[in-house]
Amino acid sequence: VTVLHEIGHHFGLGEEDLERLGYR
């Protein structure tokens, strides 16, 4: 989850987006 969360930031996702996707 942590690695996917940080990869999400690489692709421009914010904290709210990542939480909605379950990567928080």
PDBML (XML) file of the C-alpha atoms, coordinates in Angstrom:
<?xml version="1.0" encoding="UTF-8" ?>
<PDBx:datablock datablockName="MODEL"
   xmlns:PDBx="http://pdbml.pdb.org/schema/pdbx-v50.xsd"
   xmlns:xsi="http://www.w3.org/2001/XMLSchema-instance"
   xsi:schemaLocation="http://pdbml.pdb.org/schema/pdbx-v50.xsd pdbx-v50.xsd">
   <PDBx:atom_siteCategory>
      <PDBx:atom_site id="1">
         <PDBx:B_iso_or_equiv>0.00</PDBx:B_iso_or_equiv>
         <PDBx:Cartn_x>0.000</PDBx:Cartn_x>
         <PDBx:Cartn_y>0.000</PDBx:Cartn_y>
         <PDBx:Cartn_z>0.000</PDBx:Cartn_z>
         <PDBx:auth_asym_id>A</PDBx:auth_asym_id>
         <PDBx:auth_atom_id>CA</PDBx:auth_atom_id>
         <PDBx:auth_comp_id>VAL</PDBx:auth_comp_id>
         <PDBx:auth_seq_id>1</PDBx:auth_seq_id>
         <PDBx:group_PDB>ATOM</PDBx:group_PDB>
         <PDBx:label_alt_id xsi:nil="true" />
         <PDBx:label_asym_id>A</PDBx:label_asym_id>
         <PDBx:label_atom_id>CA</PDBx:label_atom_id>
         <PDBx:label_comp_id>VAL</PDBx:label_comp_id>
         <PDBx:label_entity_id>1</PDBx:label_entity_id>
         <PDBx:label_seq_id>1</PDBx:label_seq_id>
         <PDBx:occupancy>1.00</PDBx:occupancy>
         <PDBx:pdbx_PDB_model_num>1</PDBx:pdbx_PDB_model_num>
         <PDBx:type_symbol>C</PDBx:type_symbol>
      </PDBx:atom_site>
      <PDBx:atom_site id="2">
         <PDBx:B_iso_or_equiv>0.00</PDBx:B_iso_or_equiv>
         <PDBx:Cartn_x>2.822</PDBx:Cartn_x>
         <PDBx:Cartn_y>2.414</PDBx:Cartn_y>
         <PDBx:Cartn_z>0.877</PDBx:Cartn_z>
         <PDBx:auth_asym_id>A</PDBx:auth_asym_id>
         <PDBx:auth_atom_id>CA</PDBx:auth_atom_id>
         <PDBx:auth_comp_id>THR</PDBx:auth_comp_id>
         <PDBx:auth_seq_id>2</PDBx:auth_seq_id>
         <PDBx:group_PDB>ATOM</PDBx:group_PDB>
         <PDBx:label_alt_id xsi:nil="true" />
         <PDBx:label_asym_id>A</PDBx:label_asym_id>
         <PDBx:label_atom_id>CA</PDBx:label_atom_id>
         <PDBx:label_comp_id>THR</PDBx:label_comp_id>
         <PDBx:label_entity_id>1</PDBx:label_entity_id>
         <PDBx:label_seq_id>2</PDBx:label_seq_id>
         <PDBx:occupancy>1.00</PDBx:occupancy>
         <PDBx:pdbx_PDB_model_num>1</PDBx:pdbx_PDB_model_num>
         <PDBx:type_symbol>C</PDBx:type_symbol>
      </PDBx:atom_site>
      <PDBx:atom_site id="3">
         <PDBx:B_iso_or_equiv>0.00</PDBx:B_iso_or_equiv>
         <PDBx:Cartn_x>4.687</PDBx:Cartn_x>
         <PDBx:Cartn_y>1.823</PDBx:Cartn_y>
         <PDBx:Cartn_z>-2.389</PDBx:Cartn_z>
         <PDBx:auth_asym_id>A</PDBx:auth_asym_id>
         <PDBx:auth_atom_id>CA</PDBx:auth_atom_id>
         <PDBx:auth_comp_id>VAL</PDBx:auth_comp_id>
         <PDBx:auth_seq_id>3</PDBx:auth_seq_id>
         <PDBx:group_PDB>ATOM</PDBx:group_PDB>
         <PDBx:label_alt_id xsi:nil="true" />
         <PDBx:label_asym_id>A</PDBx:label_asym_id>
         <PDBx:label_atom_id>CA</PDBx:label_atom_id>
         <PDBx:label_comp_id>VAL</PDBx:label_comp_id>
         <PDBx:label_entity_id>1</PDBx:label_entity_id>
         <PDBx:label_seq_id>3</PDBx:label_seq_id>
         <PDBx:occupancy>1.00</PDBx:occupancy>
         <PDBx:pdbx_PDB_model_num>1</PDBx:pdbx_PDB_model_num>
         <PDBx:type_symbol>C</PDBx:type_symbol>
      </PDBx:atom_site>
      <PDBx:atom_site id="4">
         <PDBx:B_iso_or_equiv>0.00</PDBx:B_iso_or_equiv>
         <PDBx:Cartn_x>1.492</PDBx:Cartn_x>
         <PDBx:Cartn_y>2.162</PDBx:Cartn_y>
         <PDBx:Cartn_z>-4.457</PDBx:Cartn_z>
         <PDBx:auth_asym_id>A</PDBx:auth_asym_id>
         <PDBx:auth_atom_id>CA</PDBx:auth_atom_id>
         <PDBx:auth_comp_id>LEU</PDBx:auth_comp_id>
         <PDBx:auth_seq_id>4</PDBx:auth_seq_id>
         <PDBx:group_PDB>ATOM</PDBx:group_PDB>
         <PDBx:label_alt_id xsi:nil="true" />
         <PDBx:label_asym_id>A</PDBx:label_asym_id>
         <PDBx:label_atom_id>CA</PDBx:label_atom_id>
         <PDBx:label_comp_id>LEU</PDBx:label_comp_id>
         <PDBx:label_entity_id>1</PDBx:label_entity_id>
         <PDBx:label_seq_id>4</PDBx:label_seq_id>
         <PDBx:occupancy>1.00</PDBx:occupancy>
         <PDBx:pdbx_PDB_model_num>1</PDBx:pdbx_PDB_model_num>
         <PDBx:type_symbol>C</PDBx:type_symbol>
      </PDBx:atom_site>
      <PDBx:atom_site id="5">
         <PDBx:B_iso_or_equiv>0.00</PDBx:B_iso_or_equiv>
         <PDBx:Cartn_x>0.600</PDBx:Cartn_x>
         <PDBx:Cartn_y>5.329</PDBx:Cartn_y>
         <PDBx:Cartn_z>-2.515</PDBx:Cartn_z>
         <PDBx:auth_asym_id>A</PDBx:auth_asym_id>
         <PDBx:auth_atom_id>CA</PDBx:auth_atom_id>
         <PDBx:auth_comp_id>HIS</PDBx:auth_comp_id>
         <PDBx:auth_seq_id>5</PDBx:auth_seq_id>
         <PDBx:group_PDB>ATOM</PDBx:group_PDB>
         <PDBx:label_alt_id xsi:nil="true" />
         <PDBx:label_asym_id>A</PDBx:label_asym_id>
         <PDBx:label_atom_id>CA</PDBx:label_atom_id>
         <PDBx:label_comp_id>HIS</PDBx:label_comp_id>
         <PDBx:label_entity_id>1</PDBx:label_entity_id>
         <PDBx:label_seq_id>5</PDBx:label_seq_id>
         <PDBx:occupancy>1.00</PDBx:occupancy>
         <PDBx:pdbx_PDB_model_num>1</PDBx:pdbx_PDB_model_num>
         <PDBx:type_symbol>C</PDBx:type_symbol>
      </PDBx:atom_site>
      <PDBx:atom_site id="6">
         <PDBx:B_iso_or_equiv>0.00</PDBx:B_iso_or_equiv>
         <PDBx:Cartn_x>3.944</PDBx:Cartn_x>
         <PDBx:Cartn_y>6.917</PDBx:Cartn_y>
         <PDBx:Cartn_z>-3.416</PDBx:Cartn_z>
         <PDBx:auth_asym_id>A</PDBx:auth_asym_id>
         <PDBx:auth_atom_id>CA</PDBx:auth_atom_id>
         <PDBx:auth_comp_id>GLU</PDBx:auth_comp_id>
         <PDBx:auth_seq_id>6</PDBx:auth_seq_id>
         <PDBx:group_PDB>ATOM</PDBx:group_PDB>
         <PDBx:label_alt_id xsi:nil="true" />
         <PDBx:label_asym_id>A</PDBx:label_asym_id>
         <PDBx:label_atom_id>CA</PDBx:label_atom_id>
         <PDBx:label_comp_id>GLU</PDBx:label_comp_id>
         <PDBx:label_entity_id>1</PDBx:label_entity_id>
         <PDBx:label_seq_id>6</PDBx:label_seq_id>
         <PDBx:occupancy>1.00</PDBx:occupancy>
         <PDBx:pdbx_PDB_model_num>1</PDBx:pdbx_PDB_model_num>
         <PDBx:type_symbol>C</PDBx:type_symbol>
      </PDBx:atom_site>
      <PDBx:atom_site id="7">
         <PDBx:B_iso_or_equiv>0.00</PDBx:B_iso_or_equiv>
         <PDBx:Cartn_x>3.686</PDBx:Cartn_x>
         <PDBx:Cartn_y>5.756</PDBx:Cartn_y>
         <PDBx:Cartn_z>-7.051</PDBx:Cartn_z>
         <PDBx:auth_asym_id>A</PDBx:auth_asym_id>
         <PDBx:auth_atom_id>CA</PDBx:auth_atom_id>
         <PDBx:auth_comp_id>ILE</PDBx:auth_comp_id>
         <PDBx:auth_seq_id>7</PDBx:auth_seq_id>
         <PDBx:group_PDB>ATOM</PDBx:group_PDB>
         <PDBx:label_alt_id xsi:nil="true" />
         <PDBx:label_asym_id>A</PDBx:label_asym_id>
         <PDBx:label_atom_id>CA</PDBx:label_atom_id>
         <PDBx:label_comp_id>ILE</PDBx:label_comp_id>
         <PDBx:label_entity_id>1</PDBx:label_entity_id>
         <PDBx:label_seq_id>7</PDBx:label_seq_id>
         <PDBx:occupancy>1.00</PDBx:occupancy>
         <PDBx:pdbx_PDB_model_num>1</PDBx:pdbx_PDB_model_num>
         <PDBx:type_symbol>C</PDBx:type_symbol>
      </PDBx:atom_site>
      <PDBx:atom_site id="8">
         <PDBx:B_iso_or_equiv>0.00</PDBx:B_iso_or_equiv>
         <PDBx:Cartn_x>0.290</PDBx:Cartn_x>
         <PDBx:Cartn_y>7.472</PDBx:Cartn_y>
         <PDBx:Cartn_z>-7.093</PDBx:Cartn_z>
         <PDBx:auth_asym_id>A</PDBx:auth_asym_id>
         <PDBx:auth_atom_id>CA</PDBx:auth_atom_id>
         <PDBx:auth_comp_id>GLY</PDBx:auth_comp_id>
         <PDBx:auth_seq_id>8</PDBx:auth_seq_id>
         <PDBx:group_PDB>ATOM</PDBx:group_PDB>
         <PDBx:label_alt_id xsi:nil="true" />
         <PDBx:label_asym_id>A</PDBx:label_asym_id>
         <PDBx:label_atom_id>CA</PDBx:label_atom_id>
         <PDBx:label_comp_id>GLY</PDBx:label_comp_id>
         <PDBx:label_entity_id>1</PDBx:label_entity_id>
         <PDBx:label_seq_id>8</PDBx:label_seq_id>
         <PDBx:occupancy>1.00</PDBx:occupancy>
         <PDBx:pdbx_PDB_model_num>1</PDBx:pdbx_PDB_model_num>
         <PDBx:type_symbol>C</PDBx:type_symbol>
      </PDBx:atom_site>
      <PDBx:atom_site id="9">
         <PDBx:B_iso_or_equiv>0.00</PDBx:B_iso_or_equiv>
         <PDBx:Cartn_x>1.988</PDBx:Cartn_x>
         <PDBx:Cartn_y>10.749</PDBx:Cartn_y>
         <PDBx:Cartn_z>-6.154</PDBx:Cartn_z>
         <PDBx:auth_asym_id>A</PDBx:auth_asym_id>
         <PDBx:auth_atom_id>CA</PDBx:auth_atom_id>
         <PDBx:auth_comp_id>HIS</PDBx:auth_comp_id>
         <PDBx:auth_seq_id>9</PDBx:auth_seq_id>
         <PDBx:group_PDB>ATOM</PDBx:group_PDB>
         <PDBx:label_alt_id xsi:nil="true" />
         <PDBx:label_asym_id>A</PDBx:label_asym_id>
         <PDBx:label_atom_id>CA</PDBx:label_atom_id>
         <PDBx:label_comp_id>HIS</PDBx:label_comp_id>
         <PDBx:label_entity_id>1</PDBx:label_entity_id>
         <PDBx:label_seq_id>9</PDBx:label_seq_id>
         <PDBx:occupancy>1.00</PDBx:occupancy>
         <PDBx:pdbx_PDB_model_num>1</PDBx:pdbx_PDB_model_num>
         <PDBx:type_symbol>C</PDBx:type_symbol>
      </PDBx:atom_site>
      <PDBx:atom_site id="10">
         <PDBx:B_iso_or_equiv>0.00</PDBx:B_iso_or_equiv>
         <PDBx:Cartn_x>4.400</PDBx:Cartn_x>
         <PDBx:Cartn_y>10.191</PDBx:Cartn_y>
         <PDBx:Cartn_z>-9.067</PDBx:Cartn_z>
         <PDBx:auth_asym_id>A</PDBx:auth_asym_id>
         <PDBx:auth_atom_id>CA</PDBx:auth_atom_id>
         <PDBx:auth_comp_id>HIS</PDBx:auth_comp_id>
         <PDBx:auth_seq_id>10</PDBx:auth_seq_id>
         <PDBx:group_PDB>ATOM</PDBx:group_PDB>
         <PDBx:label_alt_id xsi:nil="true" />
         <PDBx:label_asym_id>A</PDBx:label_asym_id>
         <PDBx:label_atom_id>CA</PDBx:label_atom_id>
         <PDBx:label_comp_id>HIS</PDBx:label_comp_id>
         <PDBx:label_entity_id>1</PDBx:label_entity_id>
         <PDBx:label_seq_id>10</PDBx:label_seq_id>
         <PDBx:occupancy>1.00</PDBx:occupancy>
         <PDBx:pdbx_PDB_model_num>1</PDBx:pdbx_PDB_model_num>
         <PDBx:type_symbol>C</PDBx:type_symbol>
      </PDBx:atom_site>
      <PDBx:atom_site id="11">
         <PDBx:B_iso_or_equiv>0.00</PDBx:B_iso_or_equiv>
         <PDBx:Cartn_x>1.386</PDBx:Cartn_x>
         <PDBx:Cartn_y>10.112</PDBx:Cartn_y>
         <PDBx:Cartn_z>-11.378</PDBx:Cartn_z>
         <PDBx:auth_asym_id>A</PDBx:auth_asym_id>
         <PDBx:auth_atom_id>CA</PDBx:auth_atom_id>
         <PDBx:auth_comp_id>PHE</PDBx:auth_comp_id>
         <PDBx:auth_seq_id>11</PDBx:auth_seq_id>
         <PDBx:group_PDB>ATOM</PDBx:group_PDB>
         <PDBx:label_alt_id xsi:nil="true" />
         <PDBx:label_asym_id>A</PDBx:label_asym_id>
         <PDBx:label_atom_id>CA</PDBx:label_atom_id>
         <PDBx:label_comp_id>PHE</PDBx:label_comp_id>
         <PDBx:label_entity_id>1</PDBx:label_entity_id>
         <PDBx:label_seq_id>11</PDBx:label_seq_id>
         <PDBx:occupancy>1.00</PDBx:occupancy>
         <PDBx:pdbx_PDB_model_num>1</PDBx:pdbx_PDB_model_num>
         <PDBx:type_symbol>C</PDBx:type_symbol>
      </PDBx:atom_site>
      <PDBx:atom_site id="12">
         <PDBx:B_iso_or_equiv>0.00</PDBx:B_iso_or_equiv>
         <PDBx:Cartn_x>-0.092</PDBx:Cartn_x>
         <PDBx:Cartn_y>13.265</PDBx:Cartn_y>
         <PDBx:Cartn_z>-9.837</PDBx:Cartn_z>
         <PDBx:auth_asym_id>A</PDBx:auth_asym_id>
         <PDBx:auth_atom_id>CA</PDBx:auth_atom_id>
         <PDBx:auth_comp_id>GLY</PDBx:auth_comp_id>
         <PDBx:auth_seq_id>12</PDBx:auth_seq_id>
         <PDBx:group_PDB>ATOM</PDBx:group_PDB>
         <PDBx:label_alt_id xsi:nil="true" />
         <PDBx:label_asym_id>A</PDBx:label_asym_id>
         <PDBx:label_atom_id>CA</PDBx:label_atom_id>
         <PDBx:label_comp_id>GLY</PDBx:label_comp_id>
         <PDBx:label_entity_id>1</PDBx:label_entity_id>
         <PDBx:label_seq_id>12</PDBx:label_seq_id>
         <PDBx:occupancy>1.00</PDBx:occupancy>
         <PDBx:pdbx_PDB_model_num>1</PDBx:pdbx_PDB_model_num>
         <PDBx:type_symbol>C</PDBx:type_symbol>
      </PDBx:atom_site>
      <PDBx:atom_site id="13">
         <PDBx:B_iso_or_equiv>0.00</PDBx:B_iso_or_equiv>
         <PDBx:Cartn_x>-2.671</PDBx:Cartn_x>
         <PDBx:Cartn_y>11.798</PDBx:Cartn_y>
         <PDBx:Cartn_z>-7.443</PDBx:Cartn_z>
         <PDBx:auth_asym_id>A</PDBx:auth_asym_id>
         <PDBx:auth_atom_id>CA</PDBx:auth_atom_id>
         <PDBx:auth_comp_id>LEU</PDBx:auth_comp_id>
         <PDBx:auth_seq_id>13</PDBx:auth_seq_id>
         <PDBx:group_PDB>ATOM</PDBx:group_PDB>
         <PDBx:label_alt_id xsi:nil="true" />
         <PDBx:label_asym_id>A</PDBx:label_asym_id>
         <PDBx:label_atom_id>CA</PDBx:label_atom_id>
         <PDBx:label_comp_id>LEU</PDBx:label_comp_id>
         <PDBx:label_entity_id>1</PDBx:label_entity_id>
         <PDBx:label_seq_id>13</PDBx:label_seq_id>
         <PDBx:occupancy>1.00</PDBx:occupancy>
         <PDBx:pdbx_PDB_model_num>1</PDBx:pdbx_PDB_model_num>
         <PDBx:type_symbol>C</PDBx:type_symbol>
      </PDBx:atom_site>
      <PDBx:atom_site id="14">
         <PDBx:B_iso_or_equiv>0.00</PDBx:B_iso_or_equiv>
         <PDBx:Cartn_x>-3.399</PDBx:Cartn_x>
         <PDBx:Cartn_y>13.734</PDBx:Cartn_y>
         <PDBx:Cartn_z>-4.262</PDBx:Cartn_z>
         <PDBx:auth_asym_id>A</PDBx:auth_asym_id>
         <PDBx:auth_atom_id>CA</PDBx:auth_atom_id>
         <PDBx:auth_comp_id>GLY</PDBx:auth_comp_id>
         <PDBx:auth_seq_id>14</PDBx:auth_seq_id>
         <PDBx:group_PDB>ATOM</PDBx:group_PDB>
         <PDBx:label_alt_id xsi:nil="true" />
         <PDBx:label_asym_id>A</PDBx:label_asym_id>
         <PDBx:label_atom_id>CA</PDBx:label_atom_id>
         <PDBx:label_comp_id>GLY</PDBx:label_comp_id>
         <PDBx:label_entity_id>1</PDBx:label_entity_id>
         <PDBx:label_seq_id>14</PDBx:label_seq_id>
         <PDBx:occupancy>1.00</PDBx:occupancy>
         <PDBx:pdbx_PDB_model_num>1</PDBx:pdbx_PDB_model_num>
         <PDBx:type_symbol>C</PDBx:type_symbol>
      </PDBx:atom_site>
      <PDBx:atom_site id="15">
         <PDBx:B_iso_or_equiv>0.00</PDBx:B_iso_or_equiv>
         <PDBx:Cartn_x>-4.056</PDBx:Cartn_x>
         <PDBx:Cartn_y>12.398</PDBx:Cartn_y>
         <PDBx:Cartn_z>-0.776</PDBx:Cartn_z>
         <PDBx:auth_asym_id>A</PDBx:auth_asym_id>
         <PDBx:auth_atom_id>CA</PDBx:auth_atom_id>
         <PDBx:auth_comp_id>GLU</PDBx:auth_comp_id>
         <PDBx:auth_seq_id>15</PDBx:auth_seq_id>
         <PDBx:group_PDB>ATOM</PDBx:group_PDB>
         <PDBx:label_alt_id xsi:nil="true" />
         <PDBx:label_asym_id>A</PDBx:label_asym_id>
         <PDBx:label_atom_id>CA</PDBx:label_atom_id>
         <PDBx:label_comp_id>GLU</PDBx:label_comp_id>
         <PDBx:label_entity_id>1</PDBx:label_entity_id>
         <PDBx:label_seq_id>15</PDBx:label_seq_id>
         <PDBx:occupancy>1.00</PDBx:occupancy>
         <PDBx:pdbx_PDB_model_num>1</PDBx:pdbx_PDB_model_num>
         <PDBx:type_symbol>C</PDBx:type_symbol>
      </PDBx:atom_site>
      <PDBx:atom_site id="16">
         <PDBx:B_iso_or_equiv>0.00</PDBx:B_iso_or_equiv>
         <PDBx:Cartn_x>-7.847</PDBx:Cartn_x>
         <PDBx:Cartn_y>12.441</PDBx:Cartn_y>
         <PDBx:Cartn_z>-1.299</PDBx:Cartn_z>
         <PDBx:auth_asym_id>A</PDBx:auth_asym_id>
         <PDBx:auth_atom_id>CA</PDBx:auth_atom_id>
         <PDBx:auth_comp_id>GLU</PDBx:auth_comp_id>
         <PDBx:auth_seq_id>16</PDBx:auth_seq_id>
         <PDBx:group_PDB>ATOM</PDBx:group_PDB>
         <PDBx:label_alt_id xsi:nil="true" />
         <PDBx:label_asym_id>A</PDBx:label_asym_id>
         <PDBx:label_atom_id>CA</PDBx:label_atom_id>
         <PDBx:label_comp_id>GLU</PDBx:label_comp_id>
         <PDBx:label_entity_id>1</PDBx:label_entity_id>
         <PDBx:label_seq_id>16</PDBx:label_seq_id>
         <PDBx:occupancy>1.00</PDBx:occupancy>
         <PDBx:pdbx_PDB_model_num>1</PDBx:pdbx_PDB_model_num>
         <PDBx:type_symbol>C</PDBx:type_symbol>
      </PDBx:atom_site>
      <PDBx:atom_site id="17">
         <PDBx:B_iso_or_equiv>0.00</PDBx:B_iso_or_equiv>
         <PDBx:Cartn_x>-7.532</PDBx:Cartn_x>
         <PDBx:Cartn_y>10.450</PDBx:Cartn_y>
         <PDBx:Cartn_z>-4.542</PDBx:Cartn_z>
         <PDBx:auth_asym_id>A</PDBx:auth_asym_id>
         <PDBx:auth_atom_id>CA</PDBx:auth_atom_id>
         <PDBx:auth_comp_id>ASP</PDBx:auth_comp_id>
         <PDBx:auth_seq_id>17</PDBx:auth_seq_id>
         <PDBx:group_PDB>ATOM</PDBx:group_PDB>
         <PDBx:label_alt_id xsi:nil="true" />
         <PDBx:label_asym_id>A</PDBx:label_asym_id>
         <PDBx:label_atom_id>CA</PDBx:label_atom_id>
         <PDBx:label_comp_id>ASP</PDBx:label_comp_id>
         <PDBx:label_entity_id>1</PDBx:label_entity_id>
         <PDBx:label_seq_id>17</PDBx:label_seq_id>
         <PDBx:occupancy>1.00</PDBx:occupancy>
         <PDBx:pdbx_PDB_model_num>1</PDBx:pdbx_PDB_model_num>
         <PDBx:type_symbol>C</PDBx:type_symbol>
      </PDBx:atom_site>
      <PDBx:atom_site id="18">
         <PDBx:B_iso_or_equiv>0.00</PDBx:B_iso_or_equiv>
         <PDBx:Cartn_x>-5.259</PDBx:Cartn_x>
         <PDBx:Cartn_y>7.889</PDBx:Cartn_y>
         <PDBx:Cartn_z>-2.918</PDBx:Cartn_z>
         <PDBx:auth_asym_id>A</PDBx:auth_asym_id>
         <PDBx:auth_atom_id>CA</PDBx:auth_atom_id>
         <PDBx:auth_comp_id>LEU</PDBx:auth_comp_id>
         <PDBx:auth_seq_id>18</PDBx:auth_seq_id>
         <PDBx:group_PDB>ATOM</PDBx:group_PDB>
         <PDBx:label_alt_id xsi:nil="true" />
         <PDBx:label_asym_id>A</PDBx:label_asym_id>
         <PDBx:label_atom_id>CA</PDBx:label_atom_id>
         <PDBx:label_comp_id>LEU</PDBx:label_comp_id>
         <PDBx:label_entity_id>1</PDBx:label_entity_id>
         <PDBx:label_seq_id>18</PDBx:label_seq_id>
         <PDBx:occupancy>1.00</PDBx:occupancy>
         <PDBx:pdbx_PDB_model_num>1</PDBx:pdbx_PDB_model_num>
         <PDBx:type_symbol>C</PDBx:type_symbol>
      </PDBx:atom_site>
      <PDBx:atom_site id="19">
         <PDBx:B_iso_or_equiv>0.00</PDBx:B_iso_or_equiv>
         <PDBx:Cartn_x>-7.547</PDBx:Cartn_x>
         <PDBx:Cartn_y>7.503</PDBx:Cartn_y>
         <PDBx:Cartn_z>0.085</PDBx:Cartn_z>
         <PDBx:auth_asym_id>A</PDBx:auth_asym_id>
         <PDBx:auth_atom_id>CA</PDBx:auth_atom_id>
         <PDBx:auth_comp_id>GLU</PDBx:auth_comp_id>
         <PDBx:auth_seq_id>19</PDBx:auth_seq_id>
         <PDBx:group_PDB>ATOM</PDBx:group_PDB>
         <PDBx:label_alt_id xsi:nil="true" />
         <PDBx:label_asym_id>A</PDBx:label_asym_id>
         <PDBx:label_atom_id>CA</PDBx:label_atom_id>
         <PDBx:label_comp_id>GLU</PDBx:label_comp_id>
         <PDBx:label_entity_id>1</PDBx:label_entity_id>
         <PDBx:label_seq_id>19</PDBx:label_seq_id>
         <PDBx:occupancy>1.00</PDBx:occupancy>
         <PDBx:pdbx_PDB_model_num>1</PDBx:pdbx_PDB_model_num>
         <PDBx:type_symbol>C</PDBx:type_symbol>
      </PDBx:atom_site>
      <PDBx:atom_site id="20">
         <PDBx:B_iso_or_equiv>0.00</PDBx:B_iso_or_equiv>
         <PDBx:Cartn_x>-10.547</PDBx:Cartn_x>
         <PDBx:Cartn_y>6.960</PDBx:Cartn_y>
         <PDBx:Cartn_z>-2.197</PDBx:Cartn_z>
         <PDBx:auth_asym_id>A</PDBx:auth_asym_id>
         <PDBx:auth_atom_id>CA</PDBx:auth_atom_id>
         <PDBx:auth_comp_id>ARG</PDBx:auth_comp_id>
         <PDBx:auth_seq_id>20</PDBx:auth_seq_id>
         <PDBx:group_PDB>ATOM</PDBx:group_PDB>
         <PDBx:label_alt_id xsi:nil="true" />
         <PDBx:label_asym_id>A</PDBx:label_asym_id>
         <PDBx:label_atom_id>CA</PDBx:label_atom_id>
         <PDBx:label_comp_id>ARG</PDBx:label_comp_id>
         <PDBx:label_entity_id>1</PDBx:label_entity_id>
         <PDBx:label_seq_id>20</PDBx:label_seq_id>
         <PDBx:occupancy>1.00</PDBx:occupancy>
         <PDBx:pdbx_PDB_model_num>1</PDBx:pdbx_PDB_model_num>
         <PDBx:type_symbol>C</PDBx:type_symbol>
      </PDBx:atom_site>
      <PDBx:atom_site id="21">
         <PDBx:B_iso_or_equiv>0.00</PDBx:B_iso_or_equiv>
         <PDBx:Cartn_x>-8.586</PDBx:Cartn_x>
         <PDBx:Cartn_y>4.255</PDBx:Cartn_y>
         <PDBx:Cartn_z>-4.030</PDBx:Cartn_z>
         <PDBx:auth_asym_id>A</PDBx:auth_asym_id>
         <PDBx:auth_atom_id>CA</PDBx:auth_atom_id>
         <PDBx:auth_comp_id>LEU</PDBx:auth_comp_id>
         <PDBx:auth_seq_id>21</PDBx:auth_seq_id>
         <PDBx:group_PDB>ATOM</PDBx:group_PDB>
         <PDBx:label_alt_id xsi:nil="true" />
         <PDBx:label_asym_id>A</PDBx:label_asym_id>
         <PDBx:label_atom_id>CA</PDBx:label_atom_id>
         <PDBx:label_comp_id>LEU</PDBx:label_comp_id>
         <PDBx:label_entity_id>1</PDBx:label_entity_id>
         <PDBx:label_seq_id>21</PDBx:label_seq_id>
         <PDBx:occupancy>1.00</PDBx:occupancy>
         <PDBx:pdbx_PDB_model_num>1</PDBx:pdbx_PDB_model_num>
         <PDBx:type_symbol>C</PDBx:type_symbol>
      </PDBx:atom_site>
      <PDBx:atom_site id="22">
         <PDBx:B_iso_or_equiv>0.00</PDBx:B_iso_or_equiv>
         <PDBx:Cartn_x>-7.622</PDBx:Cartn_x>
         <PDBx:Cartn_y>2.540</PDBx:Cartn_y>
         <PDBx:Cartn_z>-0.770</PDBx:Cartn_z>
         <PDBx:auth_asym_id>A</PDBx:auth_asym_id>
         <PDBx:auth_atom_id>CA</PDBx:auth_atom_id>
         <PDBx:auth_comp_id>GLY</PDBx:auth_comp_id>
         <PDBx:auth_seq_id>22</PDBx:auth_seq_id>
         <PDBx:group_PDB>ATOM</PDBx:group_PDB>
         <PDBx:label_alt_id xsi:nil="true" />
         <PDBx:label_asym_id>A</PDBx:label_asym_id>
         <PDBx:label_atom_id>CA</PDBx:label_atom_id>
         <PDBx:label_comp_id>GLY</PDBx:label_comp_id>
         <PDBx:label_entity_id>1</PDBx:label_entity_id>
         <PDBx:label_seq_id>22</PDBx:label_seq_id>
         <PDBx:occupancy>1.00</PDBx:occupancy>
         <PDBx:pdbx_PDB_model_num>1</PDBx:pdbx_PDB_model_num>
         <PDBx:type_symbol>C</PDBx:type_symbol>
      </PDBx:atom_site>
      <PDBx:atom_site id="23">
         <PDBx:B_iso_or_equiv>0.00</PDBx:B_iso_or_equiv>
         <PDBx:Cartn_x>-3.964</PDBx:Cartn_x>
         <PDBx:Cartn_y>3.515</PDBx:Cartn_y>
         <PDBx:Cartn_z>-0.793</PDBx:Cartn_z>
         <PDBx:auth_asym_id>A</PDBx:auth_asym_id>
         <PDBx:auth_atom_id>CA</PDBx:auth_atom_id>
         <PDBx:auth_comp_id>TYR</PDBx:auth_comp_id>
         <PDBx:auth_seq_id>23</PDBx:auth_seq_id>
         <PDBx:group_PDB>ATOM</PDBx:group_PDB>
         <PDBx:label_alt_id xsi:nil="true" />
         <PDBx:label_asym_id>A</PDBx:label_asym_id>
         <PDBx:label_atom_id>CA</PDBx:label_atom_id>
         <PDBx:label_comp_id>TYR</PDBx:label_comp_id>
         <PDBx:label_entity_id>1</PDBx:label_entity_id>
         <PDBx:label_seq_id>23</PDBx:label_seq_id>
         <PDBx:occupancy>1.00</PDBx:occupancy>
         <PDBx:pdbx_PDB_model_num>1</PDBx:pdbx_PDB_model_num>
         <PDBx:type_symbol>C</PDBx:type_symbol>
      </PDBx:atom_site>
      <PDBx:atom_site id="24">
         <PDBx:B_iso_or_equiv>0.00</PDBx:B_iso_or_equiv>
         <PDBx:Cartn_x>-3.861</PDBx:Cartn_x>
         <PDBx:Cartn_y>5.435</PDBx:Cartn_y>
         <PDBx:Cartn_z>2.470</PDBx:Cartn_z>
         <PDBx:auth_asym_id>A</PDBx:auth_asym_id>
         <PDBx:auth_atom_id>CA</PDBx:auth_atom_id>
         <PDBx:auth_comp_id>ARG</PDBx:auth_comp_id>
         <PDBx:auth_seq_id>24</PDBx:auth_seq_id>
         <PDBx:group_PDB>ATOM</PDBx:group_PDB>
         <PDBx:label_alt_id xsi:nil="true" />
         <PDBx:label_asym_id>A</PDBx:label_asym_id>
         <PDBx:label_atom_id>CA</PDBx:label_atom_id>
         <PDBx:label_comp_id>ARG</PDBx:label_comp_id>
         <PDBx:label_entity_id>1</PDBx:label_entity_id>
         <PDBx:label_seq_id>24</PDBx:label_seq_id>
         <PDBx:occupancy>1.00</PDBx:occupancy>
         <PDBx:pdbx_PDB_model_num>1</PDBx:pdbx_PDB_model_num>
         <PDBx:type_symbol>C</PDBx:type_symbol>
      </PDBx:atom_site>
   </PDBx:atom_siteCategory>
</PDBx:datablock>
